[in-house]
Amino acid sequence: MLDKTIIGILISAIAFVTVYAITPSLIKVLTKRNMVVKDYNKEVATMVARPGGPSILAGILASELTLYAFFSSTGILAIIITTSLAFLVGFADDRKVLGGWFKPLALAASALPIILLGVYSPHLAFPLFGSVKIPELYLGLIVIIIPVMGNTVNSIDVLNGVASGFMTIASFALTVCLVIVHHYDTALASLPLGFVSLAFYKYHKIPSKIFPGDSGALTLGAMYGALSIIGHVEIVAAIALLPAVINSFLFLSSVKRIVEHRQIKVSPVVHTEDFKLMASTDKSAPVTLVRLILANGPLTEKQVGFVIFRLALFSAALAIITSFMMEIRL
């Protein structure tokens, strides 16, 4: 049996190289099939390939299946199945815009493998106060976490590179937190998520050559959620994802219903004459994190992205500090 450190390096390399290597081919295939969408934040009309979910899933499956070959863990199996089901939900939505309730309900069903395989602990751990045992309630929490995490990541996918860059930061923070609380096996399984996100960022950053689409965003979010449940770090994971959580809360509280973001008719952001981003003054426009960032004045797309990344780094630091306060032990 190889040392876990070597295995960690191996699966990280597989995750990164798989996405890095196959994404250019995916871009060509999508472009050839006219599976492209307009990048509305570019002054010159630009069409971008979409969705990038297949390459993201390929990187996750290649690395997690390799890890499963070394450790036949039901936890790894649950991660693989839940993530794959979330991808299918997102891919269906990429091909045809479905109703606002479709994704939450379908993602809730994607969480069932975690329950059926019994890879959870019915305890919700809090910093300083320890854990609370909530057996029946926790089952409902599992069904909620996967849709919430999936749609939260999807909601932050608004600008070039933001979703993949944000998830790179949050995922590596989650890995560090899992190590701190001594959940080493789950930390090992979480490594591919960060490296997949990092490799995809290469093609997703400004100017984007490919967008993750719902299939990519939901895949990243669902895997993140599954890791938080299996690693018993739900609170810590939510803290690391805080900017995206706030964005989702602001959006839902302003539109007051669950709706597909592509169905929103009034954009929260408009463009200036020099094509910088500016907060919309239309009162009917939904409130979002980007709109709040732009409240002090127009910024370029890259500047807004960097603000979100700084918020992500701050939240990651808070999550790591919180994990030191946890009393979780194997």
C-alpha atoms as a PDB file:
ATOM      1  CA  MET A   1       0.000   0.000   0.000  1.00  0.00           C
ATOM      2  CA  LEU A   2       1.386   3.375  -0.970  1.00  0.00           C
ATOM      3  CA  ASP A   3       1.809   6.101   1.608  1.00  0.00           C
ATOM      4  CA  LYS A   4      -1.213   8.431   1.794  1.00  0.00           C
ATOM      5  CA  THR A   5       0.969  11.416   0.950  1.00  0.00           C
ATOM      6  CA  ILE A   6       2.050   9.781  -2.307  1.00  0.00           C
ATOM      7  CA  ILE A   7      -1.551   8.827  -3.078  1.00  0.00           C
ATOM      8  CA  GLY A   8      -2.620  12.412  -2.406  1.00  0.00           C
ATOM      9  CA  ILE A   9      -0.014  13.717  -4.848  1.00  0.00           C
ATOM     10  CA  LEU A  10      -1.064  11.099  -7.408  1.00  0.00           C
ATOM     11  CA  ILE A  11      -4.801  11.834  -7.345  1.00  0.00           C
ATOM     12  CA  SER A  12      -4.155  15.590  -7.293  1.00  0.00           C
ATOM     13  CA  ALA A  13      -2.014  15.270 -10.411  1.00  0.00           C
ATOM     14  CA  ILE A  14      -4.631  13.082 -12.106  1.00  0.00           C
ATOM     15  CA  ALA A  15      -7.391  15.585 -11.310  1.00  0.00           C
ATOM     16  CA  PHE A  16      -5.412  18.575 -12.584  1.00  0.00           C
ATOM     17  CA  VAL A  17      -3.926  16.959 -15.694  1.00  0.00           C
ATOM     18  CA  THR A  18      -7.232  15.370 -16.759  1.00  0.00           C
ATOM     19  CA  VAL A  19      -9.098  18.688 -16.766  1.00  0.00           C
ATOM     20  CA  TYR A  20      -6.145  20.642 -18.156  1.00  0.00           C
ATOM     21  CA  ALA A  21      -5.662  18.163 -20.999  1.00  0.00           C
ATOM     22  CA  ILE A  22      -9.216  17.478 -22.153  1.00  0.00           C
ATOM     23  CA  THR A  23     -10.797  20.919 -21.774  1.00  0.00           C
ATOM     24  CA  PRO A  24      -9.257  22.285 -25.033  1.00  0.00           C
ATOM     25  CA  SER A  25     -10.755  19.322 -26.922  1.00  0.00           C
ATOM     26  CA  LEU A  26     -14.101  19.900 -25.210  1.00  0.00           C
ATOM     27  CA  ILE A  27     -13.998  23.557 -26.289  1.00  0.00           C
ATOM     28  CA  LYS A  28     -13.444  22.493 -29.909  1.00  0.00           C
ATOM     29  CA  VAL A  29     -16.277  19.943 -29.796  1.00  0.00           C
ATOM     30  CA  LEU A  30     -18.735  22.396 -28.213  1.00  0.00           C
ATOM     31  CA  THR A  31     -17.801  25.135 -30.685  1.00  0.00           C
ATOM     32  CA  LYS A  32     -18.178  22.776 -33.643  1.00  0.00           C
ATOM     33  CA  ARG A  33     -21.634  21.780 -32.417  1.00  0.00           C
ATOM     34  CA  ASN A  34     -22.525  25.453 -31.911  1.00  0.00           C
ATOM     35  CA  MET A  35     -22.931  24.888 -28.169  1.00  0.00           C
ATOM     36  CA  VAL A  36     -21.844  28.424 -27.372  1.00  0.00           C
ATOM     37  CA  VAL A  37     -23.347  31.379 -25.532  1.00  0.00           C
ATOM     38  CA  LYS A  38     -22.702  35.090 -25.715  1.00  0.00           C
ATOM     39  CA  ASP A  39     -20.383  36.691 -23.170  1.00  0.00           C
ATOM     40  CA  TYR A  40     -22.462  39.770 -22.343  1.00  0.00           C
ATOM     41  CA  ASN A  41     -19.646  41.455 -20.427  1.00  0.00           C
ATOM     42  CA  LYS A  42     -17.426  41.928 -23.480  1.00  0.00           C
ATOM     43  CA  GLU A  43     -17.564  45.052 -25.604  1.00  0.00           C
ATOM     44  CA  VAL A  44     -16.809  43.069 -28.750  1.00  0.00           C
ATOM     45  CA  ALA A  45     -19.353  40.318 -29.419  1.00  0.00           C
ATOM     46  CA  THR A  46     -17.797  37.107 -28.099  1.00  0.00           C
ATOM     47  CA  MET A  47     -19.214  33.582 -28.134  1.00  0.00           C
ATOM     48  CA  VAL A  48     -17.972  31.163 -25.479  1.00  0.00           C
ATOM     49  CA  ALA A  49     -18.218  27.372 -25.381  1.00  0.00           C
ATOM     50  CA  ARG A  50     -20.583  25.925 -22.781  1.00  0.00           C
ATOM     51  CA  PRO A  51     -20.878  23.721 -20.739  1.00  0.00           C
ATOM     52  CA  GLY A  52     -17.550  22.725 -19.216  1.00  0.00           C
ATOM     53  CA  GLY A  53     -19.182  20.239 -16.863  1.00  0.00           C
ATOM     54  CA  PRO A  54     -17.961  17.136 -18.756  1.00  0.00           C
ATOM     55  CA  SER A  55     -14.275  17.990 -18.265  1.00  0.00           C
ATOM     56  CA  ILE A  56     -14.855  18.879 -14.603  1.00  0.00           C
ATOM     57  CA  LEU A  57     -16.638  15.572 -13.992  1.00  0.00           C
ATOM     58  CA  ALA A  58     -13.933  13.662 -15.899  1.00  0.00           C
ATOM     59  CA  GLY A  59     -11.243  15.078 -13.617  1.00  0.00           C
ATOM     60  CA  ILE A  60     -13.232  14.233 -10.507  1.00  0.00           C
ATOM     61  CA  LEU A  61     -14.075  10.694 -11.610  1.00  0.00           C
ATOM     62  CA  ALA A  62     -10.539   9.896 -12.792  1.00  0.00           C
ATOM     63  CA  SER A  63      -9.038  10.963  -9.466  1.00  0.00           C
ATOM     64  CA  GLU A  64     -11.737   9.637  -7.123  1.00  0.00           C
ATOM     65  CA  LEU A  65     -11.904   6.254  -8.856  1.00  0.00           C
ATOM     66  CA  THR A  66      -8.127   6.005  -8.520  1.00  0.00           C
ATOM     67  CA  LEU A  67      -8.464   6.779  -4.822  1.00  0.00           C
ATOM     68  CA  TYR A  68     -11.244   4.184  -4.552  1.00  0.00           C
ATOM     69  CA  ALA A  69      -8.891   1.607  -6.077  1.00  0.00           C
ATOM     70  CA  PHE A  70      -6.545   2.154  -3.129  1.00  0.00           C
ATOM     71  CA  PHE A  71      -9.226   2.519  -0.457  1.00  0.00           C
ATOM     72  CA  SER A  72     -12.551   0.811  -1.128  1.00  0.00           C
ATOM     73  CA  SER A  73     -14.347   3.352   1.035  1.00  0.00           C
ATOM     74  CA  THR A  74     -18.114   3.775   0.954  1.00  0.00           C
ATOM     75  CA  GLY A  75     -17.495   7.466   1.589  1.00  0.00           C
ATOM     76  CA  ILE A  76     -15.581   7.815  -1.686  1.00  0.00           C
ATOM     77  CA  LEU A  77     -18.288   5.836  -3.464  1.00  0.00           C
ATOM     78  CA  ALA A  78     -20.965   8.166  -2.097  1.00  0.00           C
ATOM     79  CA  ILE A  79     -18.991  11.187  -3.288  1.00  0.00           C
ATOM     80  CA  ILE A  80     -18.661   9.704  -6.781  1.00  0.00           C
ATOM     81  CA  ILE A  81     -22.357   8.823  -7.117  1.00  0.00           C
ATOM     82  CA  THR A  82     -23.718  12.055  -5.638  1.00  0.00           C
ATOM     83  CA  THR A  83     -21.393  14.193  -7.749  1.00  0.00           C
ATOM     84  CA  SER A  84     -22.266  12.269 -10.917  1.00  0.00           C
ATOM     85  CA  LEU A  85     -26.005  12.610 -10.290  1.00  0.00           C
ATOM     86  CA  ALA A  86     -25.594  16.347  -9.729  1.00  0.00           C
ATOM     87  CA  PHE A  87     -23.733  16.581 -13.029  1.00  0.00           C
ATOM     88  CA  LEU A  88     -26.639  14.886 -14.830  1.00  0.00           C
ATOM     89  CA  VAL A  89     -29.079  17.363 -13.270  1.00  0.00           C
ATOM     90  CA  GLY A  90     -26.948  20.279 -14.409  1.00  0.00           C
ATOM     91  CA  PHE A  91     -26.350  18.854 -17.863  1.00  0.00           C
ATOM     92  CA  ALA A  92     -30.097  18.432 -18.381  1.00  0.00           C
ATOM     93  CA  ASP A  93     -30.563  22.064 -17.394  1.00  0.00           C
ATOM     94  CA  ASP A  94     -27.744  23.131 -19.737  1.00  0.00           C
ATOM     95  CA  ARG A  95     -29.497  21.523 -22.682  1.00  0.00           C
ATOM     96  CA  LYS A  96     -32.933  22.884 -21.828  1.00  0.00           C
ATOM     97  CA  VAL A  97     -33.783  25.565 -19.262  1.00  0.00           C
ATOM     98  CA  LEU A  98     -36.041  23.817 -16.767  1.00  0.00           C
ATOM     99  CA  GLY A  99     -38.291  25.218 -14.050  1.00  0.00           C
ATOM    100  CA  GLY A 100     -36.911  26.929 -10.965  1.00  0.00           C
ATOM    101  CA  TRP A 101     -37.927  24.039  -8.693  1.00  0.00           C
ATOM    102  CA  PHE A 102     -36.387  21.330 -10.883  1.00  0.00           C
ATOM    103  CA  LYS A 103     -32.783  21.699  -9.752  1.00  0.00           C
ATOM    104  CA  PRO A 104     -33.431  21.832  -5.983  1.00  0.00           C
ATOM    105  CA  LEU A 105     -35.671  18.755  -6.094  1.00  0.00           C
ATOM    106  CA  ALA A 106     -33.390  16.796  -8.422  1.00  0.00           C
ATOM    107  CA  LEU A 107     -30.327  17.716  -6.363  1.00  0.00           C
ATOM    108  CA  ALA A 108     -32.150  16.600  -3.226  1.00  0.00           C
ATOM    109  CA  ALA A 109     -32.508  13.178  -4.847  1.00  0.00           C
ATOM    110  CA  SER A 110     -28.776  13.273  -5.641  1.00  0.00           C
ATOM    111  CA  ALA A 111     -28.107  13.335  -1.899  1.00  0.00           C
ATOM    112  CA  LEU A 112     -29.793   9.958  -1.325  1.00  0.00           C
ATOM    113  CA  PRO A 113     -26.611   7.859  -1.895  1.00  0.00           C
ATOM    114  CA  ILE A 114     -25.073   9.537   1.164  1.00  0.00           C
ATOM    115  CA  ILE A 115     -28.027   8.396   3.244  1.00  0.00           C
ATOM    116  CA  LEU A 116     -28.389   4.942   1.699  1.00  0.00           C
ATOM    117  CA  LEU A 117     -24.684   4.165   2.083  1.00  0.00           C
ATOM    118  CA  GLY A 118     -24.727   5.436   5.664  1.00  0.00           C
ATOM    119  CA  VAL A 119     -21.626   7.616   5.299  1.00  0.00           C
ATOM    120  CA  TYR A 120     -22.814  10.346   7.635  1.00  0.00           C
ATOM    121  CA  SER A 121     -22.869  10.990  11.367  1.00  0.00           C
ATOM    122  CA  PRO A 122     -26.126  12.370  12.816  1.00  0.00           C
ATOM    123  CA  HIS A 123     -24.193  15.052  14.699  1.00  0.00           C
ATOM    124  CA  LEU A 124     -23.945  18.706  13.773  1.00  0.00           C
ATOM    125  CA  ALA A 125     -20.685  20.121  15.128  1.00  0.00           C
ATOM    126  CA  PHE A 126     -20.403  23.730  16.291  1.00  0.00           C
ATOM    127  CA  PRO A 127     -17.276  25.637  17.333  1.00  0.00           C
ATOM    128  CA  LEU A 128     -16.779  25.884  21.119  1.00  0.00           C
ATOM    129  CA  PHE A 129     -20.151  24.301  21.901  1.00  0.00           C
ATOM    130  CA  GLY A 130     -19.353  20.820  20.603  1.00  0.00           C
ATOM    131  CA  SER A 131     -21.789  18.688  18.612  1.00  0.00           C
ATOM    132  CA  VAL A 132     -25.524  18.164  18.752  1.00  0.00           C
ATOM    133  CA  LYS A 133     -27.059  14.774  17.972  1.00  0.00           C
ATOM    134  CA  ILE A 134     -30.086  15.183  15.679  1.00  0.00           C
ATOM    135  CA  PRO A 135     -30.690  11.745  14.020  1.00  0.00           C
ATOM    136  CA  GLU A 136     -33.977  12.338  12.174  1.00  0.00           C
ATOM    137  CA  LEU A 137     -33.421  16.038  11.594  1.00  0.00           C
ATOM    138  CA  TYR A 138     -29.988  15.398  10.159  1.00  0.00           C
ATOM    139  CA  LEU A 139     -31.437  13.241   7.374  1.00  0.00           C
ATOM    140  CA  GLY A 140     -33.465  16.233   6.262  1.00  0.00           C
ATOM    141  CA  LEU A 141     -30.350  18.387   6.555  1.00  0.00           C
ATOM    142  CA  ILE A 142     -28.455  16.109   4.156  1.00  0.00           C
ATOM    143  CA  VAL A 143     -31.217  16.431   1.577  1.00  0.00           C
ATOM    144  CA  ILE A 144     -31.024  20.225   1.956  1.00  0.00           C
ATOM    145  CA  ILE A 145     -27.227  20.657   1.960  1.00  0.00           C
ATOM    146  CA  ILE A 146     -26.583  19.226  -1.526  1.00  0.00           C
ATOM    147  CA  PRO A 147     -29.147  21.459  -3.325  1.00  0.00           C
ATOM    148  CA  VAL A 148     -28.063  24.497  -1.312  1.00  0.00           C
ATOM    149  CA  MET A 149     -24.348  23.982  -1.983  1.00  0.00           C
ATOM    150  CA  GLY A 150     -24.943  23.172  -5.649  1.00  0.00           C
ATOM    151  CA  ASN A 151     -27.149  26.169  -6.358  1.00  0.00           C
ATOM    152  CA  THR A 152     -24.967  28.436  -4.219  1.00  0.00           C
ATOM    153  CA  VAL A 153     -21.937  27.726  -6.395  1.00  0.00           C
ATOM    154  CA  ASN A 154     -24.117  28.068  -9.491  1.00  0.00           C
ATOM    155  CA  SER A 155     -25.293  31.490  -8.325  1.00  0.00           C
ATOM    156  CA  ILE A 156     -21.729  32.835  -8.065  1.00  0.00           C
ATOM    157  CA  ASP A 157     -20.988  31.832 -11.675  1.00  0.00           C
ATOM    158  CA  VAL A 158     -21.669  35.300 -13.056  1.00  0.00           C
ATOM    159  CA  LEU A 159     -18.328  36.566 -14.381  1.00  0.00           C
ATOM    160  CA  ASN A 160     -15.336  35.100 -16.200  1.00  0.00           C
ATOM    161  CA  GLY A 161     -13.334  32.881 -13.871  1.00  0.00           C
ATOM    162  CA  VAL A 162     -15.287  33.637 -10.705  1.00  0.00           C
ATOM    163  CA  ALA A 163     -16.908  30.241 -10.039  1.00  0.00           C
ATOM    164  CA  SER A 164     -13.764  28.185 -10.712  1.00  0.00           C
ATOM    165  CA  GLY A 165     -11.461  30.627  -8.910  1.00  0.00           C
ATOM    166  CA  PHE A 166     -13.823  30.880  -5.949  1.00  0.00           C
ATOM    167  CA  MET A 167     -14.118  27.090  -5.682  1.00  0.00           C
ATOM    168  CA  THR A 168     -10.342  26.694  -5.882  1.00  0.00           C
ATOM    169  CA  ILE A 169     -10.002  28.841  -2.762  1.00  0.00           C
ATOM    170  CA  ALA A 170     -12.958  27.299  -0.904  1.00  0.00           C
ATOM    171  CA  SER A 171     -11.972  23.713  -1.751  1.00  0.00           C
ATOM    172  CA  PHE A 172      -8.373  24.008  -0.597  1.00  0.00           C
ATOM    173  CA  ALA A 173      -9.615  25.736   2.571  1.00  0.00           C
ATOM    174  CA  LEU A 174     -11.979  22.803   3.150  1.00  0.00           C
ATOM    175  CA  THR A 175      -9.081  20.357   2.769  1.00  0.00           C
ATOM    176  CA  VAL A 176      -7.035  22.273   5.342  1.00  0.00           C
ATOM    177  CA  CYS A 177     -10.004  22.305   7.726  1.00  0.00           C
ATOM    178  CA  LEU A 178     -10.501  18.552   7.358  1.00  0.00           C
ATOM    179  CA  VAL A 179      -6.848  17.976   8.226  1.00  0.00           C
ATOM    180  CA  ILE A 180      -7.124  20.250  11.266  1.00  0.00           C
ATOM    181  CA  VAL A 181     -10.090  18.292  12.627  1.00  0.00           C
ATOM    182  CA  HIS A 182      -8.290  14.999  11.907  1.00  0.00           C
ATOM    183  CA  HIS A 183     -10.561  13.726   9.134  1.00  0.00           C
ATOM    184  CA  TYR A 184      -7.591  12.720   7.026  1.00  0.00           C
ATOM    185  CA  ASP A 185      -9.379  10.268   4.714  1.00  0.00           C
ATOM    186  CA  THR A 186     -12.000  12.848   3.731  1.00  0.00           C
ATOM    187  CA  ALA A 187      -9.257  15.458   3.332  1.00  0.00           C
ATOM    188  CA  LEU A 188      -7.560  13.108   0.883  1.00  0.00           C
ATOM    189  CA  ALA A 189     -10.814  12.731  -1.050  1.00  0.00           C
ATOM    190  CA  SER A 190     -11.265  16.511  -1.133  1.00  0.00           C
ATOM    191  CA  LEU A 191      -7.930  17.239  -2.835  1.00  0.00           C
ATOM    192  CA  PRO A 192      -9.214  16.566  -6.392  1.00  0.00           C
ATOM    193  CA  LEU A 193     -11.938  19.201  -6.029  1.00  0.00           C
ATOM    194  CA  GLY A 194      -9.405  21.980  -5.548  1.00  0.00           C
ATOM    195  CA  PHE A 195      -7.138  20.812  -8.358  1.00  0.00           C
ATOM    196  CA  VAL A 196     -10.030  20.294 -10.779  1.00  0.00           C
ATOM    197  CA  SER A 197     -11.221  23.838 -10.057  1.00  0.00           C
ATOM    198  CA  LEU A 198      -7.697  25.209 -10.481  1.00  0.00           C
ATOM    199  CA  ALA A 199      -7.169  23.455 -13.828  1.00  0.00           C
ATOM    200  CA  PHE A 200     -10.540  24.632 -15.141  1.00  0.00           C
ATOM    201  CA  TYR A 201      -9.746  28.192 -14.052  1.00  0.00           C
ATOM    202  CA  LYS A 202      -6.978  28.222 -16.665  1.00  0.00           C
ATOM    203  CA  TYR A 203      -9.642  28.222 -19.402  1.00  0.00           C
ATOM    204  CA  HIS A 204     -12.390  29.992 -17.463  1.00  0.00           C
ATOM    205  CA  LYS A 205     -10.433  33.087 -16.371  1.00  0.00           C
ATOM    206  CA  ILE A 206     -10.700  36.373 -18.295  1.00  0.00           C
ATOM    207  CA  PRO A 207     -11.160  36.118 -21.234  1.00  0.00           C
ATOM    208  CA  SER A 208     -13.111  32.881 -20.830  1.00  0.00           C
ATOM    209  CA  LYS A 209     -12.716  30.209 -23.458  1.00  0.00           C
ATOM    210  CA  ILE A 210     -15.375  28.050 -21.791  1.00  0.00           C
ATOM    211  CA  PHE A 211     -18.098  28.457 -19.180  1.00  0.00           C
ATOM    212  CA  PRO A 212     -18.780  25.694 -16.624  1.00  0.00           C
ATOM    213  CA  GLY A 213     -22.527  25.866 -17.163  1.00  0.00           C
ATOM    214  CA  ASP A 214     -24.972  24.402 -14.679  1.00  0.00           C
ATOM    215  CA  SER A 215     -23.391  20.971 -15.108  1.00  0.00           C
ATOM    216  CA  GLY A 216     -20.001  22.285 -14.012  1.00  0.00           C
ATOM    217  CA  ALA A 217     -21.207  24.520 -11.181  1.00  0.00           C
ATOM    218  CA  LEU A 218     -23.596  21.941  -9.733  1.00  0.00           C
ATOM    219  CA  THR A 219     -20.914  19.246  -9.943  1.00  0.00           C
ATOM    220  CA  LEU A 220     -18.463  21.378  -7.962  1.00  0.00           C
ATOM    221  CA  GLY A 221     -21.098  22.432  -5.435  1.00  0.00           C
ATOM    222  CA  ALA A 222     -22.529  18.950  -4.894  1.00  0.00           C
ATOM    223  CA  MET A 223     -19.096  17.413  -4.336  1.00  0.00           C
ATOM    224  CA  TYR A 224     -18.253  20.206  -1.906  1.00  0.00           C
ATOM    225  CA  GLY A 225     -21.490  19.517  -0.036  1.00  0.00           C
ATOM    226  CA  ALA A 226     -20.900  15.747   0.029  1.00  0.00           C
ATOM    227  CA  LEU A 227     -17.410  16.273   1.452  1.00  0.00           C
ATOM    228  CA  SER A 228     -18.764  18.552   4.170  1.00  0.00           C
ATOM    229  CA  ILE A 229     -21.303  15.918   5.240  1.00  0.00           C
ATOM    230  CA  ILE A 230     -18.944  12.939   5.133  1.00  0.00           C
ATOM    231  CA  GLY A 231     -16.217  14.929   6.890  1.00  0.00           C
ATOM    232  CA  HIS A 232     -18.637  16.284   9.538  1.00  0.00           C
ATOM    233  CA  VAL A 233     -17.627  19.902   8.835  1.00  0.00           C
ATOM    234  CA  GLU A 234     -20.894  21.355   7.591  1.00  0.00           C
ATOM    235  CA  ILE A 235     -20.594  24.626   9.530  1.00  0.00           C
ATOM    236  CA  VAL A 236     -16.966  25.147   8.548  1.00  0.00           C
ATOM    237  CA  ALA A 237     -17.765  24.414   4.886  1.00  0.00           C
ATOM    238  CA  ALA A 238     -20.593  26.952   4.915  1.00  0.00           C
ATOM    239  CA  ILE A 239     -18.255  29.609   6.334  1.00  0.00           C
ATOM    240  CA  ALA A 240     -15.699  29.006   3.561  1.00  0.00           C
ATOM    241  CA  LEU A 241     -18.515  29.429   1.052  1.00  0.00           C
ATOM    242  CA  LEU A 242     -19.934  32.520   2.780  1.00  0.00           C
ATOM    243  CA  PRO A 243     -19.699  35.070  -0.097  1.00  0.00           C
ATOM    244  CA  ALA A 244     -21.610  32.715  -2.392  1.00  0.00           C
ATOM    245  CA  VAL A 245     -24.119  31.953   0.375  1.00  0.00           C
ATOM    246  CA  ILE A 246     -24.704  35.689   0.879  1.00  0.00           C
ATOM    247  CA  ASN A 247     -25.133  36.116  -2.871  1.00  0.00           C
ATOM    248  CA  SER A 248     -27.810  33.403  -2.964  1.00  0.00           C
ATOM    249  CA  PHE A 249     -29.588  34.865   0.058  1.00  0.00           C
ATOM    250  CA  LEU A 250     -29.618  38.362  -1.442  1.00  0.00           C
ATOM    251  CA  PHE A 251     -30.925  37.062  -4.758  1.00  0.00           C
ATOM    252  CA  LEU A 252     -33.694  34.928  -3.250  1.00  0.00           C
ATOM    253  CA  SER A 253     -34.769  37.605  -0.784  1.00  0.00           C
ATOM    254  CA  SER A 254     -35.065  40.165  -3.573  1.00  0.00           C
ATOM    255  CA  VAL A 255     -36.920  38.023  -6.130  1.00  0.00           C
ATOM    256  CA  LYS A 256     -38.918  36.277  -3.362  1.00  0.00           C
ATOM    257  CA  ARG A 257     -39.194  33.003  -5.242  1.00  0.00           C
ATOM    258  CA  ILE A 258     -37.065  30.175  -6.570  1.00  0.00           C
ATOM    259  CA  VAL A 259     -36.331  30.998 -10.189  1.00  0.00           C
ATOM    260  CA  GLU A 260     -33.709  30.075 -12.771  1.00  0.00           C
ATOM    261  CA  HIS A 261     -31.256  32.998 -12.986  1.00  0.00           C
ATOM    262  CA  ARG A 262     -31.393  32.896 -16.805  1.00  0.00           C
ATOM    263  CA  GLN A 263     -35.102  33.691 -16.560  1.00  0.00           C
ATOM    264  CA  ILE A 264     -34.515  37.020 -14.810  1.00  0.00           C
ATOM    265  CA  LYS A 265     -35.517  39.784 -17.223  1.00  0.00           C
ATOM    266  CA  VAL A 266     -33.917  42.759 -15.423  1.00  0.00           C
ATOM    267  CA  SER A 267     -30.171  42.494 -14.977  1.00  0.00           C
ATOM    268  CA  PRO A 268     -28.689  43.625 -11.631  1.00  0.00           C
ATOM    269  CA  VAL A 269     -25.692  44.998 -13.563  1.00  0.00           C
ATOM    270  CA  VAL A 270     -25.463  47.323 -16.560  1.00  0.00           C
ATOM    271  CA  HIS A 271     -22.543  48.664 -18.598  1.00  0.00           C
ATOM    272  CA  THR A 272     -21.055  52.128 -18.802  1.00  0.00           C
ATOM    273  CA  GLU A 273     -19.979  53.712 -22.101  1.00  0.00           C
ATOM    274  CA  ASP A 274     -16.454  52.348 -21.632  1.00  0.00           C
ATOM    275  CA  PHE A 275     -18.023  48.950 -20.827  1.00  0.00           C
ATOM    276  CA  LYS A 276     -17.263  48.824 -17.134  1.00  0.00           C
ATOM    277  CA  LEU A 277     -19.789  47.116 -14.883  1.00  0.00           C
ATOM    278  CA  MET A 278     -22.195  49.348 -12.979  1.00  0.00           C
ATOM    279  CA  ALA A 279     -24.960  48.563 -10.497  1.00  0.00           C
ATOM    280  CA  SER A 280     -28.422  48.821 -12.007  1.00  0.00           C
ATOM    281  CA  THR A 281     -30.643  51.614 -10.714  1.00  0.00           C
ATOM    282  CA  ASP A 282     -33.768  49.681 -11.672  1.00  0.00           C
ATOM    283  CA  LYS A 283     -35.636  48.907  -8.438  1.00  0.00           C
ATOM    284  CA  SER A 284     -37.022  45.691  -9.921  1.00  0.00           C
ATOM    285  CA  ALA A 285     -33.513  44.299 -10.543  1.00  0.00           C
ATOM    286  CA  PRO A 286     -32.487  41.543  -8.109  1.00  0.00           C
ATOM    287  CA  VAL A 287     -29.954  42.317  -5.401  1.00  0.00           C
ATOM    288  CA  THR A 288     -26.730  40.330  -5.770  1.00  0.00           C
ATOM    289  CA  LEU A 289     -23.217  40.334  -4.367  1.00  0.00           C
ATOM    290  CA  VAL A 290     -21.861  41.869  -7.576  1.00  0.00           C
ATOM    291  CA  ARG A 291     -24.467  44.642  -7.437  1.00  0.00           C
ATOM    292  CA  LEU A 292     -23.404  45.450  -3.867  1.00  0.00           C
ATOM    293  CA  ILE A 293     -19.725  45.464  -4.836  1.00  0.00           C
ATOM    294  CA  LEU A 294     -20.545  47.971  -7.580  1.00  0.00           C
ATOM    295  CA  ALA A 295     -22.544  50.218  -5.246  1.00  0.00           C
ATOM    296  CA  ASN A 296     -19.543  52.551  -4.819  1.00  0.00           C
ATOM    297  CA  GLY A 297     -19.050  52.961  -8.542  1.00  0.00           C
ATOM    298  CA  PRO A 298     -18.246  51.163 -11.809  1.00  0.00           C
ATOM    299  CA  LEU A 299     -15.460  48.561 -11.979  1.00  0.00           C
ATOM    300  CA  THR A 300     -14.023  46.348 -14.688  1.00  0.00           C
ATOM    301  CA  GLU A 301     -14.988  42.695 -14.771  1.00  0.00           C
ATOM    302  CA  LYS A 302     -11.497  41.732 -13.590  1.00  0.00           C
ATOM    303  CA  GLN A 303     -11.676  44.157 -10.662  1.00  0.00           C
ATOM    304  CA  VAL A 304     -15.007  42.748  -9.513  1.00  0.00           C
ATOM    305  CA  GLY A 305     -13.599  39.226  -9.768  1.00  0.00           C
ATOM    306  CA  PHE A 306     -10.623  40.152  -7.592  1.00  0.00           C
ATOM    307  CA  VAL A 307     -12.938  41.642  -4.962  1.00  0.00           C
ATOM    308  CA  ILE A 308     -14.863  38.351  -4.846  1.00  0.00           C
ATOM    309  CA  PHE A 309     -11.605  36.404  -4.566  1.00  0.00           C
ATOM    310  CA  ARG A 310     -10.499  38.589  -1.643  1.00  0.00           C
ATOM    311  CA  LEU A 311     -13.821  37.882   0.058  1.00  0.00           C
ATOM    312  CA  ALA A 312     -13.272  34.171  -0.625  1.00  0.00           C
ATOM    313  CA  LEU A 313      -9.803  34.300   0.947  1.00  0.00           C
ATOM    314  CA  PHE A 314     -11.199  36.087   4.002  1.00  0.00           C
ATOM    315  CA  SER A 315     -13.954  33.478   4.367  1.00  0.00           C
ATOM    316  CA  ALA A 316     -11.408  30.690   3.913  1.00  0.00           C
ATOM    317  CA  ALA A 317      -9.342  32.149   6.748  1.00  0.00           C
ATOM    318  CA  LEU A 318     -12.450  32.335   8.956  1.00  0.00           C
ATOM    319  CA  ALA A 319     -13.248  28.692   8.160  1.00  0.00           C
ATOM    320  CA  ILE A 320      -9.733  27.589   9.099  1.00  0.00           C
ATOM    321  CA  ILE A 321      -9.883  29.552  12.367  1.00  0.00           C
ATOM    322  CA  THR A 322     -13.289  28.005  13.080  1.00  0.00           C
ATOM    323  CA  SER A 323     -11.947  24.505  12.459  1.00  0.00           C
ATOM    324  CA  PHE A 324      -9.356  25.067  15.183  1.00  0.00           C
ATOM    325  CA  MET A 325     -12.253  25.798  17.515  1.00  0.00           C
ATOM    326  CA  MET A 326     -14.022  22.562  16.695  1.00  0.00           C
ATOM    327  CA  GLU A 327     -13.778  19.575  18.998  1.00  0.00           C
ATOM    328  CA  ILE A 328     -14.302  16.894  16.339  1.00  0.00           C
ATOM    329  CA  ARG A 329     -12.209  13.775  16.756  1.00  0.00           C
ATOM    330  CA  LEU A 330     -12.240  10.528  14.878  1.00  0.00           C
END
